[in-house]
Amino acid sequence: MERQKRVAVIHDLAGYGRCALAVALPVISAEGLECCVLPTSILSSNAAFPGYYRDDGTERMERFLSHWDELDLEFDGIYVGYLGSAAGIELAAEFLKRFRRENTIVLFDPVMGDHGRLYSACSPEVCEKMEDLLAYSDVITPNLTEAYRLAGLEYPDEHPSGEALWELEERLCAKGPSEVVLTGIAEGEDLVNQICSRDGSRSRIPARRSGGDRCGTGDVFASIVFAEIVRGRGTEQAVKKAAGFLEEAIAYTEQSKVPSRNGVCFEPFLYRLIQ
């Protein structure tokens, strides 16, 4: 029998509001992988809810890293998500230095902002250190806002041309990752995910927009893509599966009239990930 694969997920944990680890753990587990979690911070709810409590996890991350090192753990994949401080980014980089092996798949989902605006936690220092993680990554999944910032370019006033987007991804590939998946490009009634590889291959995967923006959508997407790649699927196949899953789950969520800040009702569809 083939050995069950083990992965580590470095992300924040919200007690309420589907996002980050609350999404990644069930999704990756449904894919049949052993999922070990390293919380970068713990929140009472996701940041879309007013008055949320946040417990910084820098010291906790250090202790996790040290103990896992003592246990001599090995990972087939490492997924890096939200890192809300410069210290947290440095610890994530140290984690990758210690635990990344020749065959370890590293996916970095740079949670930095959206719609041309960076989140409040993304200071210039944090953004600069985020760029350092590109050198350790095999696949990154930024949206347009994050991609432009990581590339060191100003966010455009107008929607960029198709060729400009390919050039943007090539610029990011040159900083380290083998593949860049540029996510959520709005084109009419579709959202397009665009894959650019360092070897020059390109592909575009459109999906029907089945609802408005929702908290945690990117976390569901990145979790599925990561798990599929660790399982041996190609990136294009992984992106198609993630996009199709989200199209159906978001449509169901919209029909259920769930507020956008509550995220995506992905739970009824987890059984489909086992295929």
Protein backbone atom coordinates (compact mmCIF):
# COMPACT_ATOMS: atom_id res chain seq x y z
CA MET A 1 0.00 0.00 0.00
CA GLU A 2 1.28 3.46 -0.87
CA ARG A 3 2.37 5.53 2.12
CA GLN A 4 -0.06 8.28 3.09
CA LYS A 5 1.45 11.65 2.24
CA ARG A 6 1.95 14.26 4.95
CA VAL A 7 1.78 18.03 4.48
CA ALA A 8 2.22 21.12 6.64
CA VAL A 9 0.01 24.21 6.40
CA ILE A 10 1.27 27.54 7.77
CA HIS A 11 -1.78 29.79 8.05
CA ASP A 12 -3.98 31.65 10.54
CA LEU A 13 -6.95 30.09 12.33
CA ALA A 14 -10.31 31.85 12.70
CA GLY A 15 -12.81 30.37 15.12
CA TYR A 16 -15.75 31.68 13.05
CA GLY A 17 -16.04 32.56 9.36
CA ARG A 18 -14.71 29.99 6.90
CA CYS A 19 -11.16 30.87 5.90
CA ALA A 20 -7.50 29.89 6.24
CA LEU A 21 -6.88 26.79 8.42
CA ALA A 22 -10.58 26.28 9.07
CA VAL A 23 -10.84 25.65 5.31
CA ALA A 24 -7.45 24.09 4.57
CA LEU A 25 -7.61 21.33 7.18
CA PRO A 26 -10.92 19.73 6.07
CA VAL A 27 -10.24 20.24 2.36
CA ILE A 28 -6.75 18.73 2.44
CA SER A 29 -7.89 15.91 4.72
CA ALA A 30 -10.73 15.10 2.30
CA GLU A 31 -8.06 14.77 -0.39
CA GLY A 32 -6.57 11.91 1.65
CA LEU A 33 -3.49 13.70 2.99
CA GLU A 34 -2.29 13.93 6.59
CA CYS A 35 -2.52 17.65 7.35
CA CYS A 36 -0.32 19.17 10.07
CA VAL A 37 -1.19 22.77 10.94
CA LEU A 38 1.03 25.59 12.17
CA PRO A 39 -1.18 28.56 13.21
CA THR A 40 0.43 31.93 12.46
CA SER A 41 -2.22 33.64 14.58
CA ILE A 42 -5.57 32.74 16.16
CA LEU A 43 -8.64 34.93 15.68
CA SER A 44 -12.12 34.79 17.17
CA SER A 45 -13.51 35.33 13.65
CA ASN A 46 -12.19 36.25 10.25
CA ALA A 47 -11.23 39.90 9.81
CA ALA A 48 -14.47 40.74 7.97
CA PHE A 49 -16.33 40.78 11.29
CA PRO A 50 -15.92 43.92 13.45
CA GLY A 51 -14.32 43.68 16.88
CA TYR A 52 -12.56 40.36 16.33
CA TYR A 53 -9.92 39.16 18.80
CA ARG A 54 -6.47 38.25 17.45
CA ASP A 55 -3.72 36.36 19.25
CA ASP A 56 -0.33 36.79 17.57
CA GLY A 57 1.38 33.47 16.98
CA THR A 58 5.05 34.39 16.58
CA GLU A 59 6.20 32.69 19.79
CA ARG A 60 3.92 29.73 19.08
CA MET A 61 5.42 29.34 15.61
CA GLU A 62 8.91 29.20 17.09
CA ARG A 63 7.89 26.44 19.49
CA PHE A 64 6.11 24.45 16.79
CA LEU A 65 9.13 24.68 14.53
CA SER A 66 11.51 23.62 17.28
CA HIS A 67 9.39 20.66 18.39
CA TRP A 68 8.70 19.42 14.88
CA ASP A 69 12.43 19.61 14.24
CA GLU A 70 13.04 17.44 17.32
CA LEU A 71 10.44 14.97 16.03
CA ASP A 72 12.34 14.85 12.73
CA LEU A 73 9.12 15.28 10.75
CA GLU A 74 9.20 15.09 6.97
CA PHE A 75 6.64 16.64 4.65
CA ASP A 76 5.63 15.87 1.07
CA GLY A 77 4.19 19.35 0.77
CA ILE A 78 4.22 22.71 2.56
CA TYR A 79 1.49 25.31 2.02
CA VAL A 80 2.25 28.83 3.24
CA GLY A 81 -0.69 31.19 3.64
CA TYR A 82 -1.35 34.24 5.83
CA LEU A 83 1.69 35.79 7.51
CA GLY A 84 0.74 38.99 9.27
CA SER A 85 4.14 40.21 10.47
CA ALA A 86 7.76 40.46 9.40
CA ALA A 87 8.73 38.10 12.23
CA GLY A 88 6.17 35.55 11.04
CA ILE A 89 7.56 35.68 7.50
CA GLU A 90 11.09 35.11 8.80
CA LEU A 91 9.90 32.06 10.75
CA ALA A 92 8.10 30.72 7.68
CA ALA A 93 11.32 31.09 5.70
CA GLU A 94 13.22 29.28 8.46
CA PHE A 95 10.60 26.51 8.40
CA LEU A 96 11.09 26.07 4.65
CA LYS A 97 14.88 25.98 5.06
CA ARG A 98 14.62 23.21 7.65
CA PHE A 99 11.80 21.07 6.28
CA ARG A 100 11.86 21.50 2.52
CA ARG A 101 13.40 18.45 0.85
CA GLU A 102 14.22 17.72 -2.77
CA ASN A 103 10.75 16.29 -3.45
CA THR A 104 8.73 18.58 -1.15
CA ILE A 105 6.11 20.65 -2.99
CA VAL A 106 5.90 24.22 -1.67
CA LEU A 107 2.82 26.30 -2.50
CA PHE A 108 2.78 29.92 -1.40
CA ASP A 109 -0.53 31.79 -1.37
CA PRO A 110 0.54 35.39 -0.61
CA VAL A 111 -2.36 36.86 1.37
CA MET A 112 -1.64 40.57 0.92
CA GLY A 113 -4.65 42.39 -0.53
CA ASP A 114 -7.25 42.56 -3.30
CA HIS A 115 -8.89 44.98 -5.75
CA GLY A 116 -5.74 47.10 -5.93
CA ARG A 117 -5.44 47.66 -2.17
CA LEU A 118 -3.16 45.99 0.36
CA TYR A 119 -4.45 44.82 3.74
CA SER A 120 -3.56 46.97 6.75
CA ALA A 121 -1.05 44.39 8.05
CA CYS A 122 0.96 44.58 4.80
CA SER A 123 3.44 47.29 5.68
CA PRO A 124 6.33 48.02 3.26
CA GLU A 125 8.58 45.84 5.45
CA VAL A 126 6.11 42.93 5.38
CA CYS A 127 5.69 43.21 1.59
CA GLU A 128 9.44 43.24 1.04
CA LYS A 129 9.94 40.15 3.17
CA MET A 130 7.07 38.39 1.38
CA GLU A 131 9.15 38.57 -1.79
CA ASP A 132 11.87 36.53 -0.07
CA LEU A 133 9.53 33.50 0.10
CA LEU A 134 9.33 33.31 -3.69
CA ALA A 135 12.79 31.74 -3.79
CA TYR A 136 11.53 28.75 -1.75
CA SER A 137 8.25 28.26 -3.64
CA ASP A 138 7.37 25.82 -6.41
CA VAL A 139 3.89 27.25 -7.07
CA ILE A 140 2.39 30.60 -6.06
CA THR A 141 -1.29 31.60 -6.30
CA PRO A 142 -1.54 35.42 -6.14
CA ASN A 143 -4.44 37.55 -7.26
CA LEU A 144 -3.72 40.61 -9.42
CA THR A 145 -3.07 42.93 -6.48
CA GLU A 146 -0.62 40.52 -4.87
CA ALA A 147 1.10 39.67 -8.15
CA TYR A 148 1.82 43.31 -8.97
CA ARG A 149 3.17 43.99 -5.48
CA LEU A 150 5.40 40.91 -5.45
CA ALA A 151 6.71 41.86 -8.89
CA GLY A 152 7.58 45.34 -7.60
CA LEU A 153 5.18 47.06 -10.02
CA GLU A 154 2.44 49.64 -9.53
CA TYR A 155 -1.12 48.36 -9.76
CA PRO A 156 -2.52 49.57 -13.11
CA ASP A 157 -5.36 52.06 -13.44
CA GLU A 158 -6.91 50.03 -16.24
CA HIS A 159 -7.36 46.29 -16.68
CA PRO A 160 -4.07 45.01 -18.12
CA SER A 161 -3.89 43.41 -21.55
CA GLY A 162 -3.49 39.68 -21.95
CA GLU A 163 0.17 39.99 -22.89
CA ALA A 164 0.83 42.28 -19.91
CA LEU A 165 -0.52 39.57 -17.58
CA TRP A 166 1.77 36.94 -19.12
CA GLU A 167 4.74 39.29 -18.71
CA LEU A 168 3.73 39.85 -15.08
CA GLU A 169 3.73 36.11 -14.40
CA GLU A 170 7.05 35.62 -16.20
CA ARG A 171 8.54 38.32 -14.00
CA LEU A 172 7.38 36.40 -10.91
CA CYS A 173 8.69 33.07 -12.25
CA ALA A 174 12.10 34.71 -12.58
CA LYS A 175 12.07 35.31 -8.80
CA GLY A 176 11.93 31.58 -7.96
CA PRO A 177 8.67 29.66 -8.45
CA SER A 178 8.36 27.11 -11.23
CA GLU A 179 4.71 28.03 -11.80
CA VAL A 180 2.55 31.08 -11.18
CA VAL A 181 -1.22 30.69 -11.02
CA LEU A 182 -2.71 34.16 -11.39
CA THR A 183 -6.17 33.84 -9.86
CA GLY A 184 -9.58 35.44 -10.29
CA ILE A 185 -9.03 37.52 -13.44
CA ALA A 186 -12.42 39.04 -14.26
CA GLU A 187 -13.46 38.67 -17.90
CA GLY A 188 -17.14 39.35 -18.49
CA GLU A 189 -19.19 36.62 -16.82
CA ASP A 190 -16.10 34.48 -16.22
CA LEU A 191 -13.24 34.37 -13.75
CA VAL A 192 -10.03 33.17 -15.35
CA ASN A 193 -7.12 31.45 -13.64
CA GLN A 194 -3.97 31.80 -15.70
CA ILE A 195 -0.98 29.46 -15.35
CA CYS A 196 2.51 30.44 -16.46
CA SER A 197 5.47 28.09 -16.07
CA ARG A 198 9.15 28.89 -16.05
CA ASP A 199 9.61 26.47 -18.95
CA GLY A 200 7.49 28.77 -21.12
CA SER A 201 4.19 26.87 -21.10
CA ARG A 202 0.98 28.84 -20.67
CA SER A 203 -2.68 27.98 -20.06
CA ARG A 204 -5.88 29.83 -19.21
CA ILE A 205 -8.76 28.19 -17.33
CA PRO A 206 -12.06 30.08 -17.33
CA ALA A 207 -14.84 29.33 -14.86
CA ARG A 208 -18.34 30.75 -14.72
CA ARG A 209 -18.80 33.39 -12.02
CA SER A 210 -21.50 31.93 -9.78
CA GLY A 211 -21.62 34.68 -7.15
CA GLY A 212 -19.91 37.74 -5.72
CA ASP A 213 -16.68 38.04 -3.75
CA ARG A 214 -16.57 35.93 -0.59
CA CYS A 215 -14.18 35.53 2.32
CA GLY A 216 -12.09 32.38 2.11
CA THR A 217 -12.63 31.68 -1.59
CA GLY A 218 -8.90 31.89 -2.28
CA ASP A 219 -8.21 29.57 0.66
CA VAL A 220 -10.50 26.88 -0.76
CA PHE A 221 -8.90 27.29 -4.18
CA ALA A 222 -5.29 27.16 -2.93
CA SER A 223 -6.01 24.20 -0.63
CA ILE A 224 -7.43 22.09 -3.46
CA VAL A 225 -4.67 23.04 -5.91
CA PHE A 226 -2.01 22.26 -3.30
CA ALA A 227 -3.49 18.89 -2.33
CA GLU A 228 -3.95 17.84 -5.94
CA ILE A 229 -0.35 18.70 -6.87
CA VAL A 230 1.01 16.84 -3.83
CA ARG A 231 -1.08 13.84 -4.93
CA GLY A 232 0.72 13.94 -8.28
CA ARG A 233 -1.74 15.83 -10.48
CA GLY A 234 -0.59 18.44 -12.97
CA THR A 235 -1.18 22.08 -12.09
CA GLU A 236 -3.69 22.63 -14.91
CA GLN A 237 -5.74 19.62 -13.80
CA ALA A 238 -5.55 20.82 -10.18
CA VAL A 239 -6.74 24.33 -11.10
CA LYS A 240 -9.64 22.95 -13.16
CA LYS A 241 -10.76 20.82 -10.21
CA ALA A 242 -10.52 23.73 -7.76
CA ALA A 243 -12.38 26.11 -10.07
CA GLY A 244 -15.16 23.60 -10.74
CA PHE A 245 -15.53 22.82 -7.04
CA LEU A 246 -15.81 26.52 -6.17
CA GLU A 247 -18.28 27.25 -8.96
CA GLU A 248 -20.68 24.71 -7.52
CA ALA A 249 -20.05 25.53 -3.85
CA ILE A 250 -20.45 29.28 -4.36
CA ALA A 251 -23.70 28.80 -6.30
CA TYR A 252 -25.05 26.74 -3.41
CA THR A 253 -23.88 29.37 -0.90
CA GLU A 254 -25.59 32.15 -2.86
CA GLN A 255 -28.83 30.16 -3.03
CA SER A 256 -28.64 29.65 0.74
CA LYS A 257 -28.34 33.45 1.18
CA VAL A 258 -25.24 33.15 3.35
CA PRO A 259 -23.54 36.55 3.92
CA SER A 260 -20.29 37.03 2.01
CA ARG A 261 -18.20 37.45 5.16
CA ASN A 262 -19.25 33.96 6.31
CA GLY A 263 -17.34 32.45 3.41
CA VAL A 264 -18.17 29.53 1.11
CA CYS A 265 -20.36 26.59 2.15
CA PHE A 266 -17.84 24.02 0.94
CA GLU A 267 -18.69 21.30 3.47
CA PRO A 268 -21.58 19.64 1.52
CA PHE A 269 -19.20 19.07 -1.41
CA LEU A 270 -16.13 17.68 0.34
CA TYR A 271 -16.97 14.15 -0.74
CA ARG A 272 -16.20 15.17 -4.35
CA LEU A 273 -12.57 15.80 -3.50
CA ILE A 274 -11.94 12.14 -2.72
CA GLN A 275 -12.23 11.24 -6.41
